[in-house]
Amino acid sequence: MLSNLTPKDILKKYHWKQWLSRPFFGFMPSLFEGGNTKEYFKKIGIPKAEYSAWIFDGGYWYESDEIFEEIKPVLEKWLKTHSLVEITSGLDKFYQREKKIISEYAKNPNKNLDKKIKHIREVMRICTTYIWLAHSLEYFYIKKLNMAAAQYIAPDKLDEFVRLATSPKKLTATEKMDKAILSGVSLKKVVTQYAWIRCRDGFCDPYTVEDVEAYAKNIKPAFKHEKVKIPKPLEKLFAEARELVYFRTQRTDVWIELVFLSRPIFKALGEKYNIKFSDLKYYPLSSLIAGKPRRLPEKFSAIGYKDKTYYFDEPQIKEVQHELTTQVKGAIAQKGKFVGTVKVVSTVADLGKVKAGDVMVTFMTAPNFLPAMRLAGAFVTNEGGLTCHAAIVAREMRKPCVIGTKIATKVFKDGDRVEVDADNGLIKLL
């Protein structure tokens, strides 16, 4: 069913707040077109679910609690008779199948190009349906976990209990790469299998053998998870939560790897319009498929509602200005205290700034940030909850970490000396 709402209506219908900063231009957000609809949720096994609206504006994803509340009853009803293992297993089967198909496509990208592109667009829509699902599940699961655990765990131990009890047992792609390196697999083979992990924006250069060689020098065996006794009435709930934490990384890894494997086909599509691959990132895929290439500026807006997506050459939401401060507060991801020099990391290109003992301040970490995270003494993020990447890695590395500050990257700059007091969730400018 087509939407009759205008973009202005969509902006007014929901209360939008700045959510996630991502280094995306026009191409990557365009892969989300349609993946929010009932049609695609049905394809992944959850009929009637729908993430009704989304906005990517001026380099930020925006969220609305009202949208999460709309989808919440459908997901809660579905979970009464299903489990998240069905989702993660389904995603893995989808990934294994499409990886083979797209890898075959890439051997001769120009052959049946239009057919291949249409298939890949469908694959990307399904990938993004899984992405919307993970965010929607996380929205109500965290509240549910805290409320349930509060009946058995003392208030001052609650956050730590939830963090430890939700640590997943399944390995992510990055953990598998680390394991391969530590077990002596040749770096050439490691690169063949995992080079894509570096390419979270879809267009940056993949890992080389030299990159992995430098990366390998700072790898340490993973810490053993602290054992935590989960009260019997909570065992099923926390088993689902561990699956959700794993799913959160799994769904992005699948999307990023399939985008990476599709590069030869995307390059061939760009060549059709005399667009260099390095410039292709500015063009929504839908405009290329329609034969009407539209180059968007670096700061643009994409507004999706139901099965419609609208693009604008400038942001449609005015960014909120924050008052100047020398202290920032967030949520505790890993306790501890650390004093160091700030290095603000926005993209992969900034990772080289981080030296041993620095404090990494960023919007949110990702697997391709690990080389710098191994050097940093503490992490501070604008975004994130207890199941986010930074929180998981901080627990593994036993490094102080404060997440969800919202404004850390705007308050602190390279060279600032700060104290990260992750026992109390505070970061202070010294």
Protein backbone atom coordinates (compact mmCIF):
# COMPACT_ATOMS: atom_id res chain seq x y z
CA MET A 1 0.00 0.00 0.00
CA LEU A 2 1.46 3.31 -1.12
CA SER A 3 2.03 6.16 1.30
CA ASN A 4 0.06 9.36 0.84
CA LEU A 5 2.11 11.26 3.39
CA THR A 6 4.48 13.98 2.22
CA PRO A 7 8.00 14.23 3.70
CA LYS A 8 6.81 17.20 5.80
CA ASP A 9 3.98 15.04 7.14
CA ILE A 10 6.48 12.33 8.08
CA LEU A 11 8.68 14.81 9.91
CA LYS A 12 5.66 16.03 11.90
CA LYS A 13 4.01 12.63 12.46
CA TYR A 14 6.84 11.36 14.72
CA HIS A 15 9.14 12.93 17.27
CA TRP A 16 12.62 12.48 15.79
CA LYS A 17 15.89 12.53 17.72
CA GLN A 18 19.46 12.24 16.52
CA TRP A 19 20.54 8.62 16.87
CA LEU A 20 23.54 7.20 14.98
CA SER A 21 26.30 8.98 13.08
CA ARG A 22 27.52 7.06 10.03
CA PRO A 23 30.02 8.03 7.29
CA PHE A 24 27.48 7.34 4.53
CA PHE A 25 26.75 9.22 1.33
CA GLY A 26 23.79 8.63 -0.98
CA PHE A 27 24.49 5.02 -2.02
CA MET A 28 24.52 3.19 1.32
CA PRO A 29 21.27 4.63 2.79
CA SER A 30 19.57 3.87 -0.54
CA LEU A 31 20.10 0.16 0.15
CA PHE A 32 17.53 0.54 2.96
CA GLU A 33 14.72 1.47 0.56
CA GLY A 34 11.79 -0.87 1.15
CA GLY A 35 13.53 -3.06 3.73
CA ASN A 36 11.34 -1.56 6.45
CA THR A 37 8.04 -2.75 4.97
CA LYS A 38 5.68 -5.60 5.89
CA GLU A 39 6.56 -7.30 2.61
CA TYR A 40 10.18 -7.74 3.64
CA PHE A 41 9.54 -8.55 7.30
CA LYS A 42 7.32 -11.35 6.01
CA LYS A 43 10.23 -12.60 3.91
CA ILE A 44 12.36 -13.05 7.03
CA GLY A 45 9.56 -14.85 8.83
CA ILE A 46 7.80 -12.12 10.84
CA PRO A 47 4.46 -11.30 9.17
CA LYS A 48 2.71 -8.01 10.02
CA ALA A 49 5.87 -6.39 11.43
CA GLU A 50 6.84 -3.06 9.92
CA TYR A 51 9.39 -0.36 10.74
CA SER A 52 7.17 2.34 9.33
CA ALA A 53 9.54 5.30 8.86
CA TRP A 54 13.23 6.15 8.82
CA ILE A 55 15.39 9.22 8.28
CA PHE A 56 19.06 9.65 7.37
CA ASP A 57 19.81 13.37 7.52
CA GLY A 58 23.09 15.29 7.42
CA GLY A 59 25.20 12.23 8.26
CA TYR A 60 22.95 10.97 11.08
CA TRP A 61 20.28 8.33 11.41
CA TYR A 62 17.32 9.62 13.39
CA GLU A 63 15.01 7.50 15.56
CA SER A 64 11.55 7.81 17.03
CA ASP A 65 10.32 5.91 20.09
CA GLU A 66 6.86 5.99 18.53
CA ILE A 67 8.05 3.81 15.65
CA PHE A 68 9.57 1.30 18.06
CA GLU A 69 6.31 1.30 20.03
CA GLU A 70 4.37 0.59 16.81
CA ILE A 71 6.37 -2.54 16.00
CA LYS A 72 6.79 -3.70 19.62
CA PRO A 73 3.39 -5.53 20.03
CA VAL A 74 3.92 -7.52 16.82
CA LEU A 75 7.41 -8.63 17.88
CA GLU A 76 6.29 -9.49 21.42
CA LYS A 77 3.46 -11.63 20.05
CA TRP A 78 5.83 -13.35 17.60
CA LEU A 79 8.34 -14.13 20.36
CA LYS A 80 5.70 -16.00 22.36
CA THR A 81 5.82 -18.84 19.83
CA HIS A 82 9.24 -18.31 18.21
CA SER A 83 12.83 -17.66 19.27
CA LEU A 84 15.68 -15.46 18.16
CA VAL A 85 17.65 -18.56 17.18
CA GLU A 86 15.20 -18.88 14.28
CA ILE A 87 16.23 -15.39 13.18
CA THR A 88 20.00 -15.90 13.49
CA SER A 89 19.77 -19.33 11.81
CA GLY A 90 17.63 -17.90 9.02
CA LEU A 91 20.06 -15.05 8.50
CA ASP A 92 22.99 -17.45 8.33
CA LYS A 93 21.26 -19.61 5.68
CA PHE A 94 20.40 -16.46 3.70
CA TYR A 95 24.03 -15.29 3.98
CA GLN A 96 25.52 -18.62 2.88
CA ARG A 97 23.20 -18.81 -0.13
CA GLU A 98 23.64 -15.22 -1.29
CA LYS A 99 27.40 -15.23 -0.73
CA LYS A 100 27.71 -18.05 -3.29
CA ILE A 101 25.37 -16.36 -5.76
CA ILE A 102 27.01 -12.93 -5.57
CA SER A 103 30.52 -14.43 -5.72
CA GLU A 104 29.51 -16.14 -8.98
CA TYR A 105 28.04 -12.89 -10.30
CA ALA A 106 31.35 -11.11 -9.60
CA LYS A 107 33.31 -13.43 -11.88
CA ASN A 108 31.70 -11.83 -14.94
CA PRO A 109 29.95 -8.71 -13.66
CA ASN A 110 28.85 -7.26 -17.01
CA LYS A 111 26.97 -10.39 -18.09
CA ASN A 112 23.23 -9.93 -17.43
CA LEU A 113 24.08 -6.82 -15.41
CA ASP A 114 20.51 -5.55 -15.05
CA LYS A 115 19.29 -8.91 -13.74
CA LYS A 116 22.17 -9.12 -11.27
CA ILE A 117 21.61 -5.60 -9.96
CA LYS A 118 17.91 -6.22 -9.37
CA HIS A 119 18.72 -9.40 -7.47
CA ILE A 120 21.33 -7.64 -5.36
CA ARG A 121 18.86 -4.85 -4.57
CA GLU A 122 16.50 -7.50 -3.19
CA VAL A 123 19.34 -9.00 -1.15
CA MET A 124 20.18 -5.60 0.33
CA ARG A 125 16.57 -4.91 1.25
CA ILE A 126 16.41 -8.17 3.17
CA CYS A 127 19.72 -7.37 4.88
CA THR A 128 18.34 -4.04 6.03
CA THR A 129 15.15 -5.69 7.29
CA TYR A 130 17.36 -7.66 9.67
CA ILE A 131 19.05 -4.40 10.68
CA TRP A 132 15.72 -2.73 11.56
CA LEU A 133 14.67 -5.87 13.41
CA ALA A 134 17.75 -5.87 15.65
CA HIS A 135 17.21 -2.23 16.67
CA SER A 136 13.52 -2.85 17.34
CA LEU A 137 14.21 -5.91 19.49
CA GLU A 138 16.92 -4.11 21.44
CA TYR A 139 14.52 -1.24 22.18
CA PHE A 140 12.27 -3.33 24.42
CA TYR A 141 14.62 -6.15 25.41
CA ILE A 142 16.92 -3.92 27.47
CA LYS A 143 13.99 -2.63 29.55
CA LYS A 144 12.64 -6.15 29.91
CA LEU A 145 16.03 -7.51 31.07
CA ASN A 146 16.53 -4.81 33.65
CA MET A 147 13.01 -5.16 35.07
CA ALA A 148 13.28 -8.95 35.31
CA ALA A 149 16.80 -8.95 36.77
CA ALA A 150 15.88 -6.28 39.33
CA GLN A 151 13.70 -8.86 41.09
CA TYR A 152 16.77 -10.97 41.89
CA ILE A 153 19.83 -8.70 41.72
CA ALA A 154 20.78 -5.83 44.06
CA PRO A 155 20.52 -2.37 42.45
CA ASP A 156 24.27 -1.67 42.71
CA LYS A 157 25.05 -4.97 40.95
CA LEU A 158 22.33 -4.80 38.29
CA ASP A 159 24.23 -3.17 35.39
CA GLU A 160 27.23 -5.45 35.82
CA PHE A 161 25.01 -8.53 36.01
CA VAL A 162 23.16 -7.61 32.81
CA ARG A 163 26.46 -6.91 30.98
CA LEU A 164 27.97 -10.26 31.96
CA ALA A 165 24.81 -12.31 31.55
CA THR A 166 24.25 -11.04 27.99
CA SER A 167 27.78 -11.77 26.69
CA PRO A 168 27.29 -13.99 23.61
CA LYS A 169 29.00 -17.35 23.24
CA LYS A 170 28.94 -17.40 19.43
CA LEU A 171 31.91 -15.85 17.63
CA THR A 172 31.54 -12.81 15.38
CA ALA A 173 33.45 -12.49 12.09
CA THR A 174 36.13 -10.35 13.76
CA GLU A 175 36.58 -12.87 16.56
CA LYS A 176 36.90 -15.63 13.96
CA MET A 177 39.56 -13.58 12.16
CA ASP A 178 41.49 -13.10 15.40
CA LYS A 179 41.24 -16.81 16.15
CA ALA A 180 42.55 -17.67 12.68
CA ILE A 181 45.53 -15.33 13.09
CA LEU A 182 46.38 -16.67 16.55
CA SER A 183 46.14 -20.26 15.32
CA GLY A 184 48.72 -19.62 12.60
CA VAL A 185 46.55 -19.42 9.48
CA SER A 186 48.52 -17.68 6.71
CA LEU A 187 47.85 -13.94 6.58
CA LYS A 188 47.16 -14.19 2.85
CA LYS A 189 44.34 -16.64 3.58
CA VAL A 190 43.07 -14.42 6.41
CA VAL A 191 42.92 -11.46 4.03
CA THR A 192 41.10 -13.52 1.40
CA GLN A 193 38.39 -14.37 3.91
CA TYR A 194 38.16 -11.25 6.07
CA ALA A 195 39.46 -8.22 4.11
CA TRP A 196 35.90 -6.87 3.92
CA ILE A 197 35.71 -6.24 7.68
CA ARG A 198 37.50 -2.91 7.23
CA CYS A 199 34.88 -1.61 4.76
CA ARG A 200 32.03 -0.52 7.03
CA ASP A 201 31.17 2.47 4.81
CA GLY A 202 30.93 0.29 1.70
CA PHE A 203 33.66 2.08 -0.25
CA CYS A 204 36.91 2.28 1.71
CA ASP A 205 39.88 0.01 0.94
CA PRO A 206 39.82 -3.53 2.37
CA TYR A 207 42.53 -4.99 4.58
CA THR A 208 45.82 -5.87 2.89
CA VAL A 209 48.33 -8.47 4.08
CA GLU A 210 50.42 -5.59 5.46
CA ASP A 211 47.42 -4.24 7.37
CA VAL A 212 46.70 -7.62 8.93
CA GLU A 213 50.37 -8.12 9.75
CA ALA A 214 50.34 -4.85 11.74
CA TYR A 215 46.96 -5.74 13.24
CA ALA A 216 48.23 -9.15 14.35
CA LYS A 217 50.97 -7.62 16.51
CA ASN A 218 48.39 -6.31 18.98
CA ILE A 219 46.10 -9.32 19.13
CA LYS A 220 45.86 -11.07 22.46
CA PRO A 221 43.91 -14.24 23.29
CA ALA A 222 40.35 -13.36 24.23
CA PHE A 223 39.61 -13.02 27.92
CA LYS A 224 37.49 -15.77 29.34
CA HIS A 225 34.06 -14.46 30.19
CA GLU A 226 33.48 -14.05 33.89
CA LYS A 227 31.04 -16.67 35.08
CA VAL A 228 27.78 -15.28 36.30
CA LYS A 229 25.05 -17.27 37.98
CA ILE A 230 21.72 -16.56 36.32
CA PRO A 231 18.63 -17.21 38.48
CA LYS A 232 16.67 -20.12 36.99
CA PRO A 233 13.53 -18.06 36.20
CA LEU A 234 15.72 -15.73 34.09
CA GLU A 235 17.66 -18.36 32.15
CA LYS A 236 15.42 -18.42 29.07
CA LEU A 237 15.17 -14.63 28.88
CA PHE A 238 18.93 -14.15 29.11
CA ALA A 239 19.60 -16.93 26.60
CA GLU A 240 17.48 -14.91 24.16
CA ALA A 241 19.35 -11.75 25.13
CA ARG A 242 22.70 -13.38 24.36
CA GLU A 243 21.33 -14.35 20.96
CA LEU A 244 20.23 -10.75 20.42
CA VAL A 245 23.69 -9.39 21.27
CA TYR A 246 25.21 -11.82 18.76
CA PHE A 247 22.52 -10.97 16.18
CA ARG A 248 23.28 -7.28 16.51
CA THR A 249 26.78 -7.82 15.09
CA GLN A 250 25.84 -10.71 12.80
CA ARG A 251 23.28 -8.75 10.78
CA THR A 252 25.69 -5.86 10.10
CA ASP A 253 28.55 -8.22 9.24
CA VAL A 254 26.35 -10.01 6.70
CA TRP A 255 25.25 -6.73 5.12
CA ILE A 256 28.76 -5.30 4.90
CA GLU A 257 30.28 -8.49 3.47
CA LEU A 258 27.58 -8.86 0.83
CA VAL A 259 27.99 -5.20 -0.14
CA PHE A 260 31.75 -5.82 -0.45
CA LEU A 261 31.26 -8.93 -2.59
CA SER A 262 28.88 -6.94 -4.83
CA ARG A 263 31.51 -4.30 -5.63
CA PRO A 264 32.40 -5.68 -9.09
CA ILE A 265 28.72 -5.52 -10.06
CA PHE A 266 28.36 -2.02 -8.63
CA LYS A 267 31.51 -0.93 -10.51
CA ALA A 268 30.06 -2.31 -13.75
CA LEU A 269 26.84 -0.36 -13.13
CA GLY A 270 28.86 2.81 -12.55
CA GLU A 271 30.81 2.28 -15.76
CA LYS A 272 27.51 2.09 -17.63
CA TYR A 273 27.03 5.77 -16.70
CA ASN A 274 30.74 6.74 -16.76
CA ILE A 275 30.77 7.05 -12.97
CA LYS A 276 34.00 6.11 -11.20
CA PHE A 277 33.63 3.68 -8.30
CA SER A 278 35.00 6.30 -5.89
CA ASP A 279 32.14 8.63 -6.94
CA LEU A 280 29.45 5.95 -6.98
CA LYS A 281 28.95 6.40 -3.22
CA TYR A 282 27.09 9.69 -3.91
CA TYR A 283 24.38 8.07 -6.06
CA PRO A 284 21.29 6.28 -4.69
CA LEU A 285 21.17 2.80 -6.20
CA SER A 286 17.52 3.28 -7.14
CA SER A 287 18.40 6.26 -9.35
CA LEU A 288 20.97 4.15 -11.23
CA ILE A 289 18.55 1.26 -11.69
CA ALA A 290 15.93 3.72 -13.01
CA GLY A 291 18.46 5.02 -15.56
CA LYS A 292 18.36 8.50 -14.00
CA PRO A 293 21.61 8.85 -11.99
CA ARG A 294 21.24 11.47 -9.26
CA ARG A 295 24.36 12.66 -7.47
CA LEU A 296 23.60 13.79 -3.92
CA PRO A 297 25.87 16.21 -2.02
CA GLU A 298 27.79 15.04 1.06
CA LYS A 299 25.14 16.47 3.39
CA PHE A 300 21.77 15.30 2.12
CA SER A 301 18.54 13.89 3.50
CA ALA A 302 16.74 10.60 2.86
CA ILE A 303 13.25 10.11 4.32
CA GLY A 304 11.53 6.74 4.09
CA TYR A 305 7.92 5.93 4.92
CA LYS A 306 6.31 2.57 4.14
CA ASP A 307 7.48 1.76 0.59
CA LYS A 308 8.37 5.32 -0.42
CA THR A 309 11.76 7.07 -0.13
CA TYR A 310 12.41 10.77 -0.72
CA TYR A 311 15.81 12.44 -1.27
CA PHE A 312 16.78 16.06 -0.69
CA ASP A 313 19.99 17.91 -1.50
CA GLU A 314 20.21 19.40 1.98
CA PRO A 315 19.38 18.31 5.55
CA GLN A 316 15.71 18.66 6.56
CA ILE A 317 16.29 18.57 10.33
CA LYS A 318 18.02 21.37 12.20
CA GLU A 319 20.78 19.93 14.38
CA VAL A 320 20.43 20.67 18.09
CA GLN A 321 23.19 22.86 19.53
CA HIS A 322 24.55 21.76 22.91
CA GLU A 323 25.78 24.02 25.69
CA LEU A 324 29.52 24.17 26.34
CA THR A 325 30.65 21.90 29.17
CA THR A 326 33.80 20.27 30.51
CA GLN A 327 32.11 17.14 31.81
CA VAL A 328 30.07 14.49 30.05
CA LYS A 329 27.96 11.69 31.52
CA GLY A 330 26.98 8.37 29.98
CA ALA A 331 26.22 4.74 30.73
CA ILE A 332 28.83 2.39 32.21
CA ALA A 333 29.88 -0.35 29.78
CA GLN A 334 33.03 -1.48 31.63
CA LYS A 335 34.10 -0.11 35.00
CA GLY A 336 37.51 1.42 35.74
CA LYS A 337 39.32 4.75 35.71
CA PHE A 338 41.82 6.05 33.17
CA VAL A 339 43.57 9.34 32.37
CA GLY A 340 44.79 9.95 28.85
CA THR A 341 44.86 12.11 25.72
CA VAL A 342 41.75 12.32 23.59
CA LYS A 343 41.79 11.12 19.99
CA VAL A 344 38.48 11.67 18.19
CA VAL A 345 37.80 8.93 15.65
CA SER A 346 35.05 9.50 13.08
CA THR A 347 36.12 7.16 10.26
CA VAL A 348 38.69 4.48 9.45
CA ALA A 349 40.99 7.24 8.20
CA ASP A 350 41.29 8.54 11.80
CA LEU A 351 42.44 5.24 13.33
CA GLY A 352 46.13 6.04 12.81
CA LYS A 353 45.85 8.94 15.28
CA VAL A 354 45.32 6.58 18.21
CA LYS A 355 48.50 5.68 20.09
CA ALA A 356 49.08 3.50 23.13
CA GLY A 357 47.36 4.98 26.17
CA ASP A 358 45.07 7.41 24.34
CA VAL A 359 41.36 7.79 25.08
CA MET A 360 39.35 6.96 21.97
CA VAL A 361 36.32 9.24 21.65
CA THR A 362 33.94 8.30 18.85
CA PHE A 363 30.32 8.15 17.74
CA MET A 364 30.36 4.34 17.97
CA THR A 365 33.01 1.70 17.44
CA ALA A 366 32.81 -1.06 14.82
CA PRO A 367 34.90 -4.16 14.11
CA ASN A 368 37.19 -2.21 11.79
CA PHE A 369 38.11 0.04 14.75
CA LEU A 370 39.75 -2.85 16.62
CA PRO A 371 43.38 -2.05 15.70
CA ALA A 372 43.04 1.33 17.45
CA MET A 373 40.92 -0.06 20.29
CA ARG A 374 43.72 -2.46 21.20
CA LEU A 375 46.03 0.55 21.67
CA ALA A 376 43.62 2.88 23.47
CA GLY A 377 43.40 2.87 27.25
CA ALA A 378 39.68 3.70 27.38
CA PHE A 379 36.70 4.25 25.08
CA VAL A 380 34.00 6.93 25.11
CA THR A 381 31.09 6.91 22.66
CA ASN A 382 28.15 9.14 21.77
CA GLU A 383 25.91 6.20 20.99
CA GLY A 384 25.13 2.75 22.24
CA GLY A 385 23.48 0.56 24.82
CA LEU A 386 24.69 -2.42 26.82
CA THR A 387 24.63 -4.65 23.72
CA CYS A 388 26.62 -2.29 21.45
CA HIS A 389 30.01 -3.11 19.92
CA ALA A 390 31.99 -0.78 22.21
CA ALA A 391 30.45 -2.34 25.32
CA ILE A 392 31.18 -5.88 24.17
CA VAL A 393 34.81 -5.12 23.25
CA ALA A 394 35.41 -3.13 26.44
CA ARG A 395 34.30 -6.10 28.50
CA GLU A 396 36.55 -8.41 26.49
CA MET A 397 39.57 -6.12 26.81
CA ARG A 398 38.83 -5.03 30.40
CA LYS A 399 39.16 -1.36 29.43
CA PRO A 400 37.13 1.47 31.00
CA CYS A 401 34.28 2.44 28.72
CA VAL A 402 31.45 4.97 28.91
CA ILE A 403 28.78 4.80 26.20
CA GLY A 404 25.71 6.77 25.15
CA THR A 405 27.07 10.21 26.09
CA LYS A 406 25.38 11.75 23.01
CA ILE A 407 27.82 14.69 22.87
CA ALA A 408 31.37 13.46 23.68
CA THR A 409 32.67 14.04 20.14
CA LYS A 410 31.36 17.63 20.30
CA VAL A 411 32.77 18.40 23.75
CA PHE A 412 36.26 16.91 23.47
CA LYS A 413 38.90 17.41 20.78
CA ASP A 414 42.23 15.84 19.85
CA GLY A 415 44.88 16.58 22.46
CA ASP A 416 42.53 17.16 25.42
CA ARG A 417 43.57 15.43 28.65
CA VAL A 418 40.61 13.72 30.25
CA GLU A 419 39.78 11.43 33.12
CA VAL A 420 37.46 8.58 32.21
CA ASP A 421 35.67 7.60 35.41
CA ALA A 422 33.78 4.56 34.19
CA ASP A 423 32.87 3.62 37.75
CA ASN A 424 30.46 6.54 37.71
CA GLY A 425 29.94 7.07 33.98
CA LEU A 426 31.76 10.41 33.86
CA ILE A 427 34.38 11.95 31.58
CA LYS A 428 36.06 15.11 32.82
CA LEU A 429 38.30 17.58 31.01
CA LEU A 430 41.48 18.10 33.05
